[in-house]
Amino acid sequence: MPPNWDRRRQGNDRERYPALRLYAKMINLTGFAGLVVGVIFAVLVLLFAEEPLLDRVAHSAMALGAAGAYFIVVRAAAEIFFLLLDVARNLNATRDLVEKQMASRRGKQS
């Protein structure tokens, strides 16, 4: 594969489902934003909470764990949308290939 190859942005199918593609990108960005917010929150809890050190560390670890879990779940949801777009593209390509083969067979029989 060439290094600049991207399965999600190839050929005429790039503009095929723009709303679904935009929604998947927004979900993807939400995952990263949630991860960043979770890390910032964990650092703030660790530094500024008025609790014993062990409790601050535990709460920071829980915040990091929650942010990580949110990131994984949201990124998986975004990948499902990209997978659906890939399936649609492959189905259309297969349909076009079968139609071309059927047309060439009809041409040979006549």
N, C-alpha and C. Protein backbone atom coordinates (compact mmCIF):
# COMPACT_ATOMS: atom_id res chain seq x y z
N MET A 1 0.83 -1.18 0.00
CA MET A 1 0.00 0.00 0.00
C MET A 1 0.88 1.24 0.00
N PRO A 2 0.49 2.24 -0.77
CA PRO A 2 1.24 3.49 -0.71
C PRO A 2 1.08 4.14 0.65
N PRO A 3 2.07 4.92 1.09
CA PRO A 3 1.99 5.51 2.43
C PRO A 3 0.86 6.51 2.59
N ASN A 4 0.40 7.12 1.49
CA ASN A 4 -0.66 8.13 1.61
C ASN A 4 -2.04 7.54 1.39
N TRP A 5 -2.16 6.22 1.35
CA TRP A 5 -3.44 5.56 1.09
C TRP A 5 -4.30 5.62 2.33
N ASP A 6 -5.53 6.03 2.15
CA ASP A 6 -6.47 6.08 3.27
C ASP A 6 -7.77 5.48 2.79
N ARG A 7 -8.20 4.43 3.43
CA ARG A 7 -9.39 3.70 2.98
C ARG A 7 -10.65 4.54 3.09
N ARG A 8 -10.64 5.58 3.89
CA ARG A 8 -11.84 6.36 4.11
C ARG A 8 -11.99 7.51 3.12
N ARG A 9 -10.95 7.79 2.37
CA ARG A 9 -11.01 8.95 1.47
C ARG A 9 -10.52 8.57 0.09
N GLN A 10 -11.14 7.61 -0.50
CA GLN A 10 -10.64 7.10 -1.76
C GLN A 10 -11.72 7.21 -2.83
N GLY A 11 -11.37 7.75 -3.95
CA GLY A 11 -12.27 7.76 -5.10
C GLY A 11 -13.46 8.68 -4.95
N ASN A 12 -14.53 8.36 -5.68
CA ASN A 12 -15.73 9.18 -5.69
C ASN A 12 -16.59 8.98 -4.45
N ASP A 13 -16.31 7.97 -3.66
CA ASP A 13 -17.13 7.68 -2.49
C ASP A 13 -16.86 8.63 -1.35
N ARG A 14 -15.92 9.52 -1.51
CA ARG A 14 -15.61 10.45 -0.43
C ARG A 14 -16.81 11.33 -0.11
N GLU A 15 -17.54 11.76 -1.11
CA GLU A 15 -18.69 12.63 -0.90
C GLU A 15 -20.00 11.86 -0.84
N ARG A 16 -19.94 10.56 -0.76
CA ARG A 16 -21.14 9.76 -0.90
C ARG A 16 -22.11 9.90 0.27
N TYR A 17 -21.64 9.80 1.47
CA TYR A 17 -22.47 9.93 2.67
C TYR A 17 -21.87 11.02 3.56
N PRO A 18 -22.00 12.27 3.19
CA PRO A 18 -21.30 13.32 3.94
C PRO A 18 -21.81 13.49 5.37
N ALA A 19 -23.10 13.29 5.60
CA ALA A 19 -23.63 13.48 6.95
C ALA A 19 -23.11 12.39 7.89
N LEU A 20 -23.11 11.15 7.42
CA LEU A 20 -22.61 10.05 8.24
C LEU A 20 -21.12 10.19 8.51
N ARG A 21 -20.39 10.63 7.50
CA ARG A 21 -18.95 10.83 7.66
C ARG A 21 -18.67 11.95 8.66
N LEU A 22 -19.43 13.04 8.57
CA LEU A 22 -19.27 14.15 9.50
C LEU A 22 -19.62 13.72 10.93
N TYR A 23 -20.68 12.94 11.07
CA TYR A 23 -21.09 12.45 12.38
C TYR A 23 -20.01 11.56 12.99
N ALA A 24 -19.41 10.70 12.19
CA ALA A 24 -18.33 9.84 12.69
C ALA A 24 -17.12 10.66 13.11
N LYS A 25 -16.80 11.70 12.36
CA LYS A 25 -15.68 12.56 12.73
C LYS A 25 -15.97 13.32 14.02
N MET A 26 -17.22 13.77 14.18
CA MET A 26 -17.58 14.47 15.41
C MET A 26 -17.51 13.53 16.62
N ILE A 27 -17.95 12.30 16.45
CA ILE A 27 -17.85 11.33 17.54
C ILE A 27 -16.39 11.07 17.87
N ASN A 28 -15.56 10.97 16.86
CA ASN A 28 -14.14 10.75 17.06
C ASN A 28 -13.52 11.90 17.85
N LEU A 29 -13.84 13.13 17.48
CA LEU A 29 -13.33 14.29 18.19
C LEU A 29 -13.85 14.35 19.63
N THR A 30 -15.08 13.91 19.83
CA THR A 30 -15.64 13.87 21.18
C THR A 30 -14.84 12.93 22.07
N GLY A 31 -14.41 11.81 21.51
CA GLY A 31 -13.59 10.88 22.28
C GLY A 31 -12.28 11.50 22.73
N PHE A 32 -11.61 12.20 21.81
CA PHE A 32 -10.36 12.86 22.18
C PHE A 32 -10.60 13.99 23.18
N ALA A 33 -11.67 14.74 22.99
CA ALA A 33 -11.98 15.83 23.93
C ALA A 33 -12.28 15.27 25.32
N GLY A 34 -13.02 14.18 25.39
CA GLY A 34 -13.30 13.56 26.68
C GLY A 34 -12.03 13.07 27.36
N LEU A 35 -11.11 12.54 26.59
CA LEU A 35 -9.84 12.08 27.15
C LEU A 35 -9.04 13.25 27.71
N VAL A 36 -8.98 14.34 26.97
CA VAL A 36 -8.24 15.53 27.44
C VAL A 36 -8.89 16.10 28.69
N VAL A 37 -10.21 16.23 28.69
CA VAL A 37 -10.91 16.75 29.87
C VAL A 37 -10.69 15.83 31.07
N GLY A 38 -10.73 14.55 30.87
CA GLY A 38 -10.50 13.60 31.96
C GLY A 38 -9.11 13.71 32.55
N VAL A 39 -8.11 13.88 31.69
CA VAL A 39 -6.74 14.03 32.17
C VAL A 39 -6.59 15.34 32.95
N ILE A 40 -7.16 16.41 32.41
CA ILE A 40 -7.09 17.70 33.12
C ILE A 40 -7.79 17.61 34.47
N PHE A 41 -8.96 16.98 34.49
CA PHE A 41 -9.69 16.82 35.75
C PHE A 41 -8.89 15.99 36.75
N ALA A 42 -8.25 14.93 36.28
CA ALA A 42 -7.45 14.09 37.18
C ALA A 42 -6.28 14.87 37.77
N VAL A 43 -5.64 15.69 36.95
CA VAL A 43 -4.52 16.50 37.45
C VAL A 43 -5.03 17.53 38.46
N LEU A 44 -6.16 18.16 38.17
CA LEU A 44 -6.71 19.15 39.11
C LEU A 44 -7.09 18.50 40.44
N VAL A 45 -7.70 17.33 40.38
CA VAL A 45 -8.05 16.62 41.62
C VAL A 45 -6.79 16.28 42.39
N LEU A 46 -5.77 15.82 41.71
CA LEU A 46 -4.53 15.43 42.37
C LEU A 46 -3.85 16.63 43.04
N LEU A 47 -3.91 17.77 42.39
CA LEU A 47 -3.20 18.94 42.91
C LEU A 47 -4.00 19.75 43.93
N PHE A 48 -5.31 19.89 43.73
CA PHE A 48 -6.04 20.88 44.50
C PHE A 48 -7.16 20.34 45.40
N ALA A 49 -7.39 19.06 45.42
CA ALA A 49 -8.46 18.52 46.28
C ALA A 49 -8.03 18.61 47.74
N GLU A 50 -8.99 18.91 48.61
CA GLU A 50 -8.70 19.03 50.05
C GLU A 50 -8.99 17.70 50.74
N GLU A 51 -8.24 16.70 50.35
CA GLU A 51 -8.37 15.36 50.89
C GLU A 51 -6.98 14.83 51.19
N PRO A 52 -6.89 13.73 51.91
CA PRO A 52 -5.56 13.12 52.09
C PRO A 52 -4.97 12.68 50.75
N LEU A 53 -3.67 12.56 50.72
CA LEU A 53 -2.97 12.26 49.47
C LEU A 53 -3.44 10.95 48.84
N LEU A 54 -3.65 9.93 49.65
CA LEU A 54 -4.07 8.64 49.12
C LEU A 54 -5.43 8.74 48.44
N ASP A 55 -6.35 9.51 49.01
CA ASP A 55 -7.67 9.70 48.39
C ASP A 55 -7.56 10.49 47.09
N ARG A 56 -6.69 11.49 47.08
CA ARG A 56 -6.52 12.27 45.85
C ARG A 56 -5.97 11.40 44.73
N VAL A 57 -5.00 10.55 45.05
CA VAL A 57 -4.43 9.67 44.04
C VAL A 57 -5.49 8.68 43.55
N ALA A 58 -6.29 8.15 44.46
CA ALA A 58 -7.33 7.19 44.07
C ALA A 58 -8.38 7.86 43.19
N HIS A 59 -8.79 9.06 43.55
CA HIS A 59 -9.80 9.76 42.74
C HIS A 59 -9.24 10.17 41.39
N SER A 60 -7.98 10.54 41.35
CA SER A 60 -7.35 10.87 40.06
C SER A 60 -7.26 9.63 39.17
N ALA A 61 -6.94 8.50 39.78
CA ALA A 61 -6.87 7.26 39.01
C ALA A 61 -8.25 6.87 38.48
N MET A 62 -9.28 7.08 39.29
CA MET A 62 -10.64 6.80 38.81
C MET A 62 -11.03 7.72 37.67
N ALA A 63 -10.65 9.00 37.76
CA ALA A 63 -10.95 9.94 36.68
C ALA A 63 -10.23 9.54 35.40
N LEU A 64 -8.97 9.13 35.53
CA LEU A 64 -8.23 8.67 34.35
C LEU A 64 -8.84 7.40 33.77
N GLY A 65 -9.25 6.50 34.63
CA GLY A 65 -9.89 5.28 34.15
C GLY A 65 -11.20 5.55 33.43
N ALA A 66 -11.99 6.45 33.99
CA ALA A 66 -13.26 6.80 33.35
C ALA A 66 -13.03 7.48 32.01
N ALA A 67 -12.04 8.38 31.96
CA ALA A 67 -11.73 9.05 30.70
C ALA A 67 -11.24 8.05 29.66
N GLY A 68 -10.41 7.12 30.08
CA GLY A 68 -9.92 6.10 29.16
C GLY A 68 -11.02 5.20 28.65
N ALA A 69 -11.92 4.80 29.53
CA ALA A 69 -13.04 3.95 29.12
C ALA A 69 -13.95 4.70 28.15
N TYR A 70 -14.22 5.96 28.46
CA TYR A 70 -15.05 6.78 27.56
C TYR A 70 -14.39 6.90 26.19
N PHE A 71 -13.10 7.14 26.17
CA PHE A 71 -12.37 7.28 24.92
C PHE A 71 -12.47 6.00 24.09
N ILE A 72 -12.28 4.85 24.74
CA ILE A 72 -12.32 3.59 24.01
C ILE A 72 -13.71 3.32 23.44
N VAL A 73 -14.74 3.55 24.23
CA VAL A 73 -16.11 3.30 23.77
C VAL A 73 -16.49 4.23 22.63
N VAL A 74 -16.15 5.49 22.77
CA VAL A 74 -16.54 6.47 21.74
C VAL A 74 -15.75 6.24 20.45
N ARG A 75 -14.47 5.92 20.57
CA ARG A 75 -13.69 5.63 19.36
C ARG A 75 -14.20 4.37 18.66
N ALA A 76 -14.64 3.39 19.43
CA ALA A 76 -15.20 2.19 18.82
C ALA A 76 -16.48 2.51 18.07
N ALA A 77 -17.30 3.40 18.63
CA ALA A 77 -18.53 3.80 17.94
C ALA A 77 -18.20 4.52 16.63
N ALA A 78 -17.20 5.39 16.66
CA ALA A 78 -16.81 6.09 15.43
C ALA A 78 -16.27 5.10 14.39
N GLU A 79 -15.51 4.12 14.82
CA GLU A 79 -14.99 3.13 13.89
C GLU A 79 -16.11 2.28 13.29
N ILE A 80 -17.18 2.06 14.04
CA ILE A 80 -18.33 1.34 13.48
C ILE A 80 -18.92 2.12 12.32
N PHE A 81 -19.04 3.44 12.47
CA PHE A 81 -19.55 4.25 11.36
C PHE A 81 -18.62 4.19 10.16
N PHE A 82 -17.31 4.28 10.39
CA PHE A 82 -16.37 4.18 9.28
C PHE A 82 -16.43 2.79 8.64
N LEU A 83 -16.64 1.77 9.45
CA LEU A 83 -16.78 0.41 8.92
C LEU A 83 -18.02 0.31 8.03
N LEU A 84 -19.12 0.91 8.46
CA LEU A 84 -20.33 0.91 7.63
C LEU A 84 -20.11 1.64 6.31
N LEU A 85 -19.36 2.73 6.35
CA LEU A 85 -19.04 3.43 5.10
C LEU A 85 -18.19 2.55 4.19
N ASP A 86 -17.23 1.82 4.76
CA ASP A 86 -16.41 0.92 3.96
C ASP A 86 -17.23 -0.22 3.36
N VAL A 87 -18.15 -0.76 4.14
CA VAL A 87 -19.02 -1.83 3.64
C VAL A 87 -19.86 -1.33 2.48
N ALA A 88 -20.43 -0.12 2.62
CA ALA A 88 -21.23 0.44 1.54
C ALA A 88 -20.39 0.65 0.29
N ARG A 89 -19.15 1.14 0.45
CA ARG A 89 -18.28 1.35 -0.71
C ARG A 89 -17.95 0.02 -1.38
N ASN A 90 -17.65 -1.01 -0.59
CA ASN A 90 -17.31 -2.31 -1.16
C ASN A 90 -18.51 -2.95 -1.85
N LEU A 91 -19.69 -2.80 -1.27
CA LEU A 91 -20.89 -3.33 -1.92
C LEU A 91 -21.15 -2.65 -3.26
N ASN A 92 -20.98 -1.34 -3.30
CA ASN A 92 -21.18 -0.62 -4.56
C ASN A 92 -20.14 -1.03 -5.60
N ALA A 93 -18.89 -1.20 -5.17
CA ALA A 93 -17.85 -1.63 -6.11
C ALA A 93 -18.12 -3.04 -6.63
N THR A 94 -18.57 -3.93 -5.76
CA THR A 94 -18.89 -5.28 -6.18
C THR A 94 -20.07 -5.28 -7.15
N ARG A 95 -21.09 -4.49 -6.86
CA ARG A 95 -22.24 -4.40 -7.74
C ARG A 95 -21.82 -3.89 -9.11
N ASP A 96 -20.97 -2.87 -9.15
CA ASP A 96 -20.50 -2.34 -10.43
C ASP A 96 -19.69 -3.37 -11.20
N LEU A 97 -18.87 -4.12 -10.49
CA LEU A 97 -18.07 -5.15 -11.15
C LEU A 97 -18.95 -6.25 -11.73
N VAL A 98 -19.95 -6.68 -10.99
CA VAL A 98 -20.86 -7.72 -11.48
C VAL A 98 -21.65 -7.21 -12.68
N GLU A 99 -22.10 -5.97 -12.62
CA GLU A 99 -22.84 -5.40 -13.76
C GLU A 99 -21.96 -5.33 -15.01
N LYS A 100 -20.69 -4.97 -14.85
CA LYS A 100 -19.78 -4.93 -16.00
C LYS A 100 -19.56 -6.32 -16.57
N GLN A 101 -19.40 -7.30 -15.70
CA GLN A 101 -19.20 -8.67 -16.17
C GLN A 101 -20.43 -9.18 -16.89
N MET A 102 -21.61 -8.89 -16.37
CA MET A 102 -22.85 -9.33 -17.01
C MET A 102 -23.03 -8.64 -18.36
N ALA A 103 -22.67 -7.37 -18.44
CA ALA A 103 -22.79 -6.65 -19.70
C ALA A 103 -21.82 -7.21 -20.74
N SER A 104 -20.60 -7.58 -20.31
CA SER A 104 -19.64 -8.13 -21.26
C SER A 104 -20.07 -9.52 -21.73
N ARG A 105 -20.70 -10.29 -20.86
CA ARG A 105 -21.20 -11.61 -21.27
C ARG A 105 -22.36 -11.48 -22.26
N ARG A 106 -23.22 -10.51 -22.03
CA ARG A 106 -24.33 -10.27 -22.96
C ARG A 106 -23.82 -9.84 -24.32
N GLY A 107 -22.75 -9.05 -24.31
CA GLY A 107 -22.18 -8.59 -25.56
C GLY A 107 -21.54 -9.72 -26.35
N LYS A 108 -20.94 -10.67 -25.67
CA LYS A 108 -20.31 -11.80 -26.35
C LYS A 108 -21.34 -12.79 -26.90
N GLN A 109 -22.49 -12.91 -26.21
CA GLN A 109 -23.50 -13.85 -26.65
C GLN A 109 -24.26 -13.34 -27.88
N SER A 110 -24.32 -12.05 -28.06
CA SER A 110 -25.09 -11.51 -29.20
C SER A 110 -24.39 -11.61 -30.50
